PDB file of N, CA and C in Angstrom:
ATOM      1  N   UNK A   1     -14.712  23.788   5.420  1.00  0.00           N
ATOM      2  CA  UNK A   1     -14.068  24.623   4.248  1.00  0.00           C
ATOM      3  C   UNK A   1     -12.992  24.758   5.302  1.00  0.00           C
ATOM      4  N   UNK A   2     -12.770  25.222   6.767  1.00  0.00           N
ATOM      5  CA  UNK A   2     -12.086  25.693   7.702  1.00  0.00           C
ATOM      6  C   UNK A   2     -11.024  24.376   7.690  1.00  0.00           C
ATOM      7  N   UNK A   3     -11.497  23.596   7.959  1.00  0.00           N
ATOM      8  CA  UNK A   3     -11.399  21.962   8.130  1.00  0.00           C
ATOM      9  C   UNK A   3     -10.041  21.695   6.872  1.00  0.00           C
ATOM     10  N   UNK A   4     -10.643  21.832   6.034  1.00  0.00           N
ATOM     11  CA  UNK A   4     -10.200  21.115   5.103  1.00  0.00           C
ATOM     12  C   UNK A   4      -8.394  22.300   4.897  1.00  0.00           C
ATOM     13  N   UNK A   5      -8.534  23.262   4.731  1.00  0.00           N
ATOM     14  CA  UNK A   5      -7.673  24.548   4.584  1.00  0.00           C
ATOM     15  C   UNK A   5      -6.593  23.914   5.592  1.00  0.00           C
ATOM     16  N   UNK A   6      -6.617  23.955   7.098  1.00  0.00           N
ATOM     17  CA  UNK A   6      -5.694  23.270   7.842  1.00  0.00           C
ATOM     18  C   UNK A   6      -5.400  21.890   7.719  1.00  0.00           C
ATOM     19  N   UNK A   7      -5.795  21.116   7.059  1.00  0.00           N
ATOM     20  CA  UNK A   7      -5.971  19.408   7.066  1.00  0.00           C
ATOM     21  C   UNK A   7      -4.831  19.915   6.061  1.00  0.00           C
ATOM     22  N   UNK A   8      -5.524  20.522   4.961  1.00  0.00           N
ATOM     23  CA  UNK A   8      -4.056  20.490   3.926  1.00  0.00           C
ATOM     24  C   UNK A   8      -2.885  21.233   4.301  1.00  0.00           C
ATOM     25  N   UNK A   9      -2.513  22.019   5.078  1.00  0.00           N
ATOM     26  CA  UNK A   9      -1.836  22.690   5.777  1.00  0.00           C
ATOM     27  C   UNK A   9      -0.760  22.370   6.183  1.00  0.00           C
ATOM     28  N   UNK A  10      -1.214  21.294   7.512  1.00  0.00           N
ATOM     29  CA  UNK A  10      -0.794  20.828   8.391  1.00  0.00           C
ATOM     30  C   UNK A  10       0.001  19.194   7.530  1.00  0.00           C
ATOM     31  N   UNK A  11      -0.031  18.854   6.933  1.00  0.00           N
ATOM     32  CA  UNK A  11       1.025  18.009   6.073  1.00  0.00           C
ATOM     33  C   UNK A  11       2.441  18.978   5.393  1.00  0.00           C
ATOM     34  N   UNK A  12       2.402  20.030   5.683  1.00  0.00           N
ATOM     35  CA  UNK A  12       3.701  20.968   5.335  1.00  0.00           C
ATOM     36  C   UNK A  12       4.633  20.577   6.425  1.00  0.00           C
ATOM     37  N   UNK A  13       6.027  20.567   6.134  1.00  0.00           N
ATOM     38  CA  UNK A  13       6.841  20.580   6.820  1.00  0.00           C
ATOM     39  C   UNK A  13       7.867  21.391   6.416  1.00  0.00           C
ATOM     40  N   UNK A  14       7.861  23.008   6.139  1.00  0.00           N
ATOM     41  CA  UNK A  14       8.732  23.710   5.644  1.00  0.00           C
ATOM     42  C   UNK A  14       9.935  24.046   6.788  1.00  0.00           C
ATOM     43  N   UNK A  15       9.430  24.434   8.061  1.00  0.00           N
ATOM     44  CA  UNK A  15      10.646  24.573   8.991  1.00  0.00           C
ATOM     45  C   UNK A  15      11.673  23.849   8.732  1.00  0.00           C
ATOM     46  N   UNK A  16      11.699  22.128   8.755  1.00  0.00           N
ATOM     47  CA  UNK A  16      12.401  21.413   8.775  1.00  0.00           C
ATOM     48  C   UNK A  16      13.672  21.882   7.771  1.00  0.00           C
ATOM     49  N   UNK A  17      13.511  22.222   6.376  1.00  0.00           N
ATOM     50  CA  UNK A  17      14.524  22.361   5.756  1.00  0.00           C
ATOM     51  C   UNK A  17      15.564  23.493   6.126  1.00  0.00           C
ATOM     52  N   UNK A  18      14.656  24.460   6.807  1.00  0.00           N
ATOM     53  CA  UNK A  18      15.501  25.512   7.198  1.00  0.00           C
ATOM     54  C   UNK A  18      16.224  24.701   8.555  1.00  0.00           C
ATOM     55  N   UNK A  19      15.848  24.331   9.497  1.00  0.00           N
ATOM     56  CA  UNK A  19      16.461  23.838  10.347  1.00  0.00           C
ATOM     57  C   UNK A  19      17.392  22.962  10.221  1.00  0.00           C
ATOM     58  N   UNK A  20      17.675  22.452   8.968  1.00  0.00           N
ATOM     59  CA  UNK A  20      18.840  21.552   8.437  1.00  0.00           C
ATOM     60  C   UNK A  20      19.904  22.346   8.007  1.00  0.00           C
ATOM     61  N   UNK A  21      19.632  23.774   7.875  1.00  0.00           N
ATOM     62  CA  UNK A  21      20.388  24.226   6.662  1.00  0.00           C
ATOM     63  C   UNK A  21      21.044  25.123   8.068  1.00  0.00           C
ATOM     64  N   UNK A  22      20.508  25.482   8.886  1.00  0.00           N
ATOM     65  CA  UNK A  22      21.032  26.207   9.872  1.00  0.00           C
ATOM     66  C   UNK A  22      22.071  25.420  10.884  1.00  0.00           C
ATOM     67  N   UNK A  23      21.675  24.119  10.818  1.00  0.00           N
ATOM     68  CA  UNK A  23      22.413  23.216  11.869  1.00  0.00           C
ATOM     69  C   UNK A  23      23.749  22.881  10.833  1.00  0.00           C
ATOM     70  N   UNK A  24      23.597  22.896  10.203  1.00  0.00           N
ATOM     71  CA  UNK A  24      25.015  22.294   9.226  1.00  0.00           C
ATOM     72  C   UNK A  24      25.494  23.287   8.559  1.00  0.00           C
ATOM     73  N   UNK A  25      25.162  24.310   8.729  1.00  0.00           N
ATOM     74  CA  UNK A  25      25.760  25.645   7.838  1.00  0.00           C
ATOM     75  C   UNK A  25      27.092  26.130   8.498  1.00  0.00           C
ATOM     76  N   UNK A  26      28.458  25.910   7.661  1.00  0.00           N
ATOM     77  CA  UNK A  26      29.627  26.568   7.713  1.00  0.00           C
ATOM     78  C   UNK A  26      30.241  27.169   6.512  1.00  0.00           C
ATOM     79  N   UNK A  27      30.825  28.106   6.635  1.00  0.00           N
ATOM     80  CA  UNK A  27      31.589  28.731   5.905  1.00  0.00           C
ATOM     81  C   UNK A  27      31.182  30.392   5.711  1.00  0.00           C
ATOM     82  N   UNK A  28      31.758  30.992   5.128  1.00  0.00           N
ATOM     83  CA  UNK A  28      31.083  32.750   4.776  1.00  0.00           C
ATOM     84  C   UNK A  28      29.808  32.377   4.825  1.00  0.00           C
ATOM     85  N   UNK A  29      28.716  33.674   5.500  1.00  0.00           N
ATOM     86  CA  UNK A  29      27.535  33.547   5.461  1.00  0.00           C
ATOM     87  C   UNK A  29      26.613  33.251   6.129  1.00  0.00           C
ATOM     88  N   UNK A  30      27.426  32.016   6.617  1.00  0.00           N
ATOM     89  CA  UNK A  30      26.142  31.458   7.584  1.00  0.00           C
ATOM     90  C   UNK A  30      26.992  31.345   9.091  1.00  0.00           C
ATOM     91  N   UNK A  31      26.957  32.439   9.849  1.00  0.00           N
ATOM     92  CA  UNK A  31      27.374  32.783  10.954  1.00  0.00           C
ATOM     93  C   UNK A  31      25.946  33.000  12.125  1.00  0.00           C
ATOM     94  N   UNK A  32      25.071  32.818  11.128  1.00  0.00           N
ATOM     95  CA  UNK A  32      23.932  33.219  11.700  1.00  0.00           C
ATOM     96  C   UNK A  32      22.868  32.281  11.230  1.00  0.00           C
ATOM     97  N   UNK A  33      21.868  32.403  11.632  1.00  0.00           N
ATOM     98  CA  UNK A  33      20.424  32.078  11.415  1.00  0.00           C
ATOM     99  C   UNK A  33      20.458  32.278  10.188  1.00  0.00           C
ATOM    100  N   UNK A  34      20.088  33.750  10.034  1.00  0.00           N
ATOM    101  CA  UNK A  34      19.512  34.904   9.011  1.00  0.00           C
ATOM    102  C   UNK A  34      20.690  34.506   7.536  1.00  0.00           C
ATOM    103  N   UNK A  35      21.958  34.332   8.085  1.00  0.00           N
ATOM    104  CA  UNK A  35      22.857  34.556   7.491  1.00  0.00           C
ATOM    105  C   UNK A  35      22.711  33.097   6.495  1.00  0.00           C
ATOM    106  N   UNK A  36      22.278  31.876   7.298  1.00  0.00           N
ATOM    107  CA  UNK A  36      22.467  30.452   6.302  1.00  0.00           C
ATOM    108  C   UNK A  36      21.177  30.487   5.634  1.00  0.00           C
ATOM    109  N   UNK A  37      20.035  31.281   6.099  1.00  0.00           N
ATOM    110  CA  UNK A  37      18.887  31.271   4.995  1.00  0.00           C
ATOM    111  C   UNK A  37      19.057  32.217   3.943  1.00  0.00           C
ATOM    112  N   UNK A  38      19.738  33.365   4.163  1.00  0.00           N
ATOM    113  CA  UNK A  38      19.811  34.003   3.285  1.00  0.00           C
ATOM    114  C   UNK A  38      20.685  33.509   1.932  1.00  0.00           C
ATOM    115  N   UNK A  39      21.758  32.468   2.205  1.00  0.00           N
ATOM    116  CA  UNK A  39      22.857  31.958   1.875  1.00  0.00           C
ATOM    117  C   UNK A  39      21.966  30.851   0.917  1.00  0.00           C
ATOM    118  N   UNK A  40      21.230  29.970   1.821  1.00  0.00           N
ATOM    119  CA  UNK A  40      20.150  28.974   0.851  1.00  0.00           C
ATOM    120  C   UNK A  40      19.625  29.757  -0.237  1.00  0.00           C
ATOM    121  N   UNK A  41      19.137  30.934  -0.189  1.00  0.00           N
ATOM    122  CA  UNK A  41      18.337  31.394  -1.275  1.00  0.00           C
ATOM    123  C   UNK A  41      18.692  32.040  -1.889  1.00  0.00           C
ATOM    124  N   UNK A  42      19.639  32.422  -1.938  1.00  0.00           N
ATOM    125  CA  UNK A  42      20.622  33.100  -2.924  1.00  0.00           C
ATOM    126  C   UNK A  42      21.061  31.795  -3.705  1.00  0.00           C
ATOM    127  N   UNK A  43      21.418  30.536  -3.634  1.00  0.00           N
ATOM    128  CA  UNK A  43      21.879  29.572  -4.360  1.00  0.00           C
ATOM    129  C   UNK A  43      20.646  29.180  -4.776  1.00  0.00           C
ATOM    130  N   UNK A  44      19.712  28.719  -3.816  1.00  0.00           N
ATOM    131  CA  UNK A  44      19.192  27.649  -4.294  1.00  0.00           C
ATOM    132  C   UNK A  44      17.350  28.405  -4.951  1.00  0.00           C
ATOM    133  N   UNK A  45      17.174  29.575  -4.402  1.00  0.00           N
ATOM    134  CA  UNK A  45      15.896  30.028  -4.364  1.00  0.00           C
ATOM    135  C   UNK A  45      15.066  29.563  -3.609  1.00  0.00           C
ATOM    136  N   UNK A  46      13.869  30.353  -3.202  1.00  0.00           N
ATOM    137  CA  UNK A  46      12.674  29.693  -2.359  1.00  0.00           C
ATOM    138  C   UNK A  46      12.231  28.586  -2.813  1.00  0.00           C
ATOM    139  N   UNK A  47      12.715  27.463  -3.408  1.00  0.00           N
ATOM    140  CA  UNK A  47      11.975  26.132  -3.482  1.00  0.00           C
ATOM    141  C   UNK A  47      12.651  25.522  -2.533  1.00  0.00           C
ATOM    142  N   UNK A  48      13.924  25.838  -1.871  1.00  0.00           N
ATOM    143  CA  UNK A  48      14.564  25.081  -0.758  1.00  0.00           C
ATOM    144  C   UNK A  48      13.955  24.795   0.365  1.00  0.00           C
ATOM    145  N   UNK A  49      13.047  25.523   0.636  1.00  0.00           N
ATOM    146  CA  UNK A  49      11.910  25.367   1.762  1.00  0.00           C
ATOM    147  C   UNK A  49      10.922  24.614   1.839  1.00  0.00           C
ATOM    148  N   UNK A  50      10.702  24.109   0.161  1.00  0.00           N
ATOM    149  CA  UNK A  50       9.700  22.846   0.340  1.00  0.00           C
ATOM    150  C   UNK A  50       9.991  21.581   0.107  1.00  0.00           C
ATOM    151  N   UNK A  51      11.528  21.215   0.077  1.00  0.00           N
ATOM    152  CA  UNK A  51      12.044  20.393  -0.388  1.00  0.00           C
ATOM    153  C   UNK A  51      11.498  19.317   0.679  1.00  0.00           C
ATOM    154  N   UNK A  52      11.022  17.658   0.645  1.00  0.00           N
ATOM    155  CA  UNK A  52      10.176  17.135   1.030  1.00  0.00           C
ATOM    156  C   UNK A  52       8.850  16.956   1.007  1.00  0.00           C
ATOM    157  N   UNK A  53       8.289  17.987   1.052  1.00  0.00           N
ATOM    158  CA  UNK A  53       7.144  18.523   1.282  1.00  0.00           C
ATOM    159  C   UNK A  53       6.188  16.846   0.736  1.00  0.00           C
ATOM    160  N   UNK A  54       6.184  17.446  -0.164  1.00  0.00           N
ATOM    161  CA  UNK A  54       5.002  16.354  -0.932  1.00  0.00           C
ATOM    162  C   UNK A  54       5.184  14.743  -0.368  1.00  0.00           C
ATOM    163  N   UNK A  55       6.336  14.316  -0.247  1.00  0.00           N
ATOM    164  CA  UNK A  55       6.357  13.102   0.272  1.00  0.00           C
ATOM    165  C   UNK A  55       5.845  13.210   2.071  1.00  0.00           C
ATOM    166  N   UNK A  56       6.284  14.301   2.681  1.00  0.00           N
ATOM    167  CA  UNK A  56       5.318  14.160   3.964  1.00  0.00           C
ATOM    168  C   UNK A  56       3.838  14.506   3.905  1.00  0.00           C
ATOM    169  N   UNK A  57       3.434  15.295   3.181  1.00  0.00           N
ATOM    170  CA  UNK A  57       1.949  15.425   2.854  1.00  0.00           C
ATOM    171  C   UNK A  57       1.244  14.134   2.619  1.00  0.00           C
ATOM    172  N   UNK A  58       1.605  13.311   1.701  1.00  0.00           N
ATOM    173  CA  UNK A  58       1.003  12.235   1.149  1.00  0.00           C
ATOM    174  C   UNK A  58       1.265  10.975   2.649  1.00  0.00           C
ATOM    175  N   UNK A  59       2.007  11.261   3.424  1.00  0.00           N
ATOM    176  CA  UNK A  59       2.501  10.214   4.917  1.00  0.00           C
ATOM    177  C   UNK A  59       1.385  10.933   6.000  1.00  0.00           C
ATOM    178  N   UNK A  60       1.175  12.247   5.650  1.00  0.00           N
ATOM    179  CA  UNK A  60       0.211  12.755   6.902  1.00  0.00           C
ATOM    180  C   UNK A  60      -0.741  12.921   7.019  1.00  0.00           C
ATOM    181  N   UNK A  61      -1.189  13.099   5.293  1.00  0.00           N
ATOM    182  CA  UNK A  61      -2.826  13.826   5.327  1.00  0.00           C
ATOM    183  C   UNK A  61      -3.617  12.203   5.504  1.00  0.00           C
ATOM    184  N   UNK A  62      -3.549  11.381   5.430  1.00  0.00           N
ATOM    185  CA  UNK A  62      -4.430  10.021   5.478  1.00  0.00           C
ATOM    186  C   UNK A  62      -4.756   9.979   7.239  1.00  0.00           C
ATOM    187  N   UNK A  63      -4.230  10.243   7.719  1.00  0.00           N
ATOM    188  CA  UNK A  63      -4.029   9.873   9.134  1.00  0.00           C
ATOM    189  C   UNK A  63      -4.763  11.530   9.438  1.00  0.00           C
ATOM    190  N   UNK A  64      -4.691  12.365   9.052  1.00  0.00           N
ATOM    191  CA  UNK A  64      -5.268  13.893   9.495  1.00  0.00           C
ATOM    192  C   UNK A  64      -6.879  13.783   9.162  1.00  0.00           C
ATOM    193  N   UNK A  65      -7.000  13.539   7.722  1.00  0.00           N
ATOM    194  CA  UNK A  65      -8.278  13.385   7.072  1.00  0.00           C
ATOM    195  C   UNK A  65      -9.128  12.569   8.056  1.00  0.00           C
ATOM    196  N   UNK A  66      -8.333  11.510   8.369  1.00  0.00           N
ATOM    197  CA  UNK A  66      -9.318   9.998   9.386  1.00  0.00           C
ATOM    198  C   UNK A  66      -9.542  10.478  10.793  1.00  0.00           C
ATOM    199  N   UNK A  67      -8.635  11.512  11.282  1.00  0.00           N
ATOM    200  CA  UNK A  67      -9.407  11.968  12.270  1.00  0.00           C
ATOM    201  C   UNK A  67     -10.074  12.981  12.543  1.00  0.00           C
ATOM    202  N   UNK A  68     -10.339  14.164  11.543  1.00  0.00           N
ATOM    203  CA  UNK A  68     -11.405  14.700  11.507  1.00  0.00           C
ATOM    204  C   UNK A  68     -12.088  14.117  11.264  1.00  0.00           C
ATOM    205  N   UNK A  69     -12.383  13.225  10.167  1.00  0.00           N
ATOM    206  CA  UNK A  69     -13.714  12.549   9.865  1.00  0.00           C
ATOM    207  C   UNK A  69     -14.166  11.964  11.354  1.00  0.00           C
ATOM    208  N   UNK A  70     -13.427  11.201  12.176  1.00  0.00           N
ATOM    209  CA  UNK A  70     -13.798  10.602  13.310  1.00  0.00           C
ATOM    210  C   UNK A  70     -13.916  11.261  14.219  1.00  0.00           C
ATOM    211  N   UNK A  71     -13.437  12.691  14.397  1.00  0.00           N
ATOM    212  CA  UNK A  71     -14.175  13.566  15.250  1.00  0.00           C
ATOM    213  C   UNK A  71     -15.561  14.451  14.793  1.00  0.00           C
ATOM    214  N   UNK A  72     -15.586  14.334  13.930  1.00  0.00           N
ATOM    215  CA  UNK A  72     -17.365  14.810  13.038  1.00  0.00           C
ATOM    216  C   UNK A  72     -18.255  13.753  13.553  1.00  0.00           C
ATOM    217  N   UNK A  73     -17.939  12.557  13.387  1.00  0.00           N
ATOM    218  CA  UNK A  73     -18.533  11.430  13.541  1.00  0.00           C
ATOM    219  C   UNK A  73     -19.369  11.604  15.174  1.00  0.00           C
ATOM    220  N   UNK A  74     -18.185  11.317  15.848  1.00  0.00           N
ATOM    221  CA  UNK A  74     -18.050  11.463  17.503  1.00  0.00           C
ATOM    222  C   UNK A  74     -19.133  12.546  17.686  1.00  0.00           C
ATOM    223  N   UNK A  75     -19.020  13.765  17.092  1.00  0.00           N
ATOM    224  CA  UNK A  75     -19.556  14.881  17.628  1.00  0.00           C
ATOM    225  C   UNK A  75     -21.136  14.679  17.081  1.00  0.00           C
ATOM    226  N   UNK A  76     -21.334  14.136  15.735  1.00  0.00           N
ATOM    227  CA  UNK A  76     -22.606  13.571  15.693  1.00  0.00           C
ATOM    228  C   UNK A  76     -23.278  12.622  16.701  1.00  0.00           C
ATOM    229  N   UNK A  77     -22.385  11.724  17.134  1.00  0.00           N
ATOM    230  CA  UNK A  77     -23.248  10.823  17.809  1.00  0.00           C
ATOM    231  C   UNK A  77     -23.411  11.576  19.221  1.00  0.00           C
ATOM    232  N   UNK A  78     -22.451  12.058  19.601  1.00  0.00           N
ATOM    233  CA  UNK A  78     -22.601  13.146  21.000  1.00  0.00           C
ATOM    234  C   UNK A  78     -23.589  13.728  21.022  1.00  0.00           C
ATOM    235  N   UNK A  79     -24.050  14.535  20.275  1.00  0.00           N
ATOM    236  CA  UNK A  79     -25.287  15.428  19.641  1.00  0.00           C
ATOM    237  C   UNK A  79     -26.594  14.559  19.199  1.00  0.00           C
ATOM    238  N   UNK A  80     -26.497  13.198  19.145  1.00  0.00           N
ATOM    239  CA  UNK A  80     -27.890  12.544  18.993  1.00  0.00           C
ATOM    240  C   UNK A  80     -28.298  11.467  20.163  1.00  0.00           C
ATOM    241  N   UNK A  81     -26.985  11.318  21.239  1.00  0.00           N
ATOM    242  CA  UNK A  81     -27.312  10.807  22.365  1.00  0.00           C
ATOM    243  C   UNK A  81     -27.873  11.887  23.538  1.00  0.00           C
ATOM    244  N   UNK A  82     -27.340  13.134  22.924  1.00  0.00           N
ATOM    245  CA  UNK A  82     -28.053  14.149  24.138  1.00  0.00           C
ATOM    246  C   UNK A  82     -29.522  14.658  23.603  1.00  0.00           C
ATOM    247  N   UNK A  83     -29.573  14.586  22.314  1.00  0.00           N
ATOM    248  CA  UNK A  83     -31.004  14.596  21.861  1.00  0.00           C
ATOM    249  C   UNK A  83     -30.993  16.141  21.393  1.00  0.00           C
ATOM    250  N   UNK A  84     -29.721  16.541  20.885  1.00  0.00           N
ATOM    251  CA  UNK A  84     -29.371  17.906  20.379  1.00  0.00           C
ATOM    252  C   UNK A  84     -29.767  18.154  19.022  1.00  0.00           C
ATOM    253  N   UNK A  85     -29.966  17.312  18.218  1.00  0.00           N
ATOM    254  CA  UNK A  85     -30.273  16.728  16.725  1.00  0.00           C
ATOM    255  C   UNK A  85     -31.744  17.368  16.466  1.00  0.00           C
TER     256      UNK A  85
END
């Protein structure tokens, strides 16, 4: 269950929209990082933080799941070879 949770979370890229907003910020209310984020939240709401989340999740999840499955199989093989099963 723990692996499933982190597999799901790993696909997120929520800091990337923040980074883009801060780096491209200009005008009033954007003289600082916090100011740029506050302006974005005021104009668009909290949903701006999750732009691109679904495409990133679909791109990264197959690889992440295969890595976890492969590692679990390798762990079982190692235990079998050592005779720990």
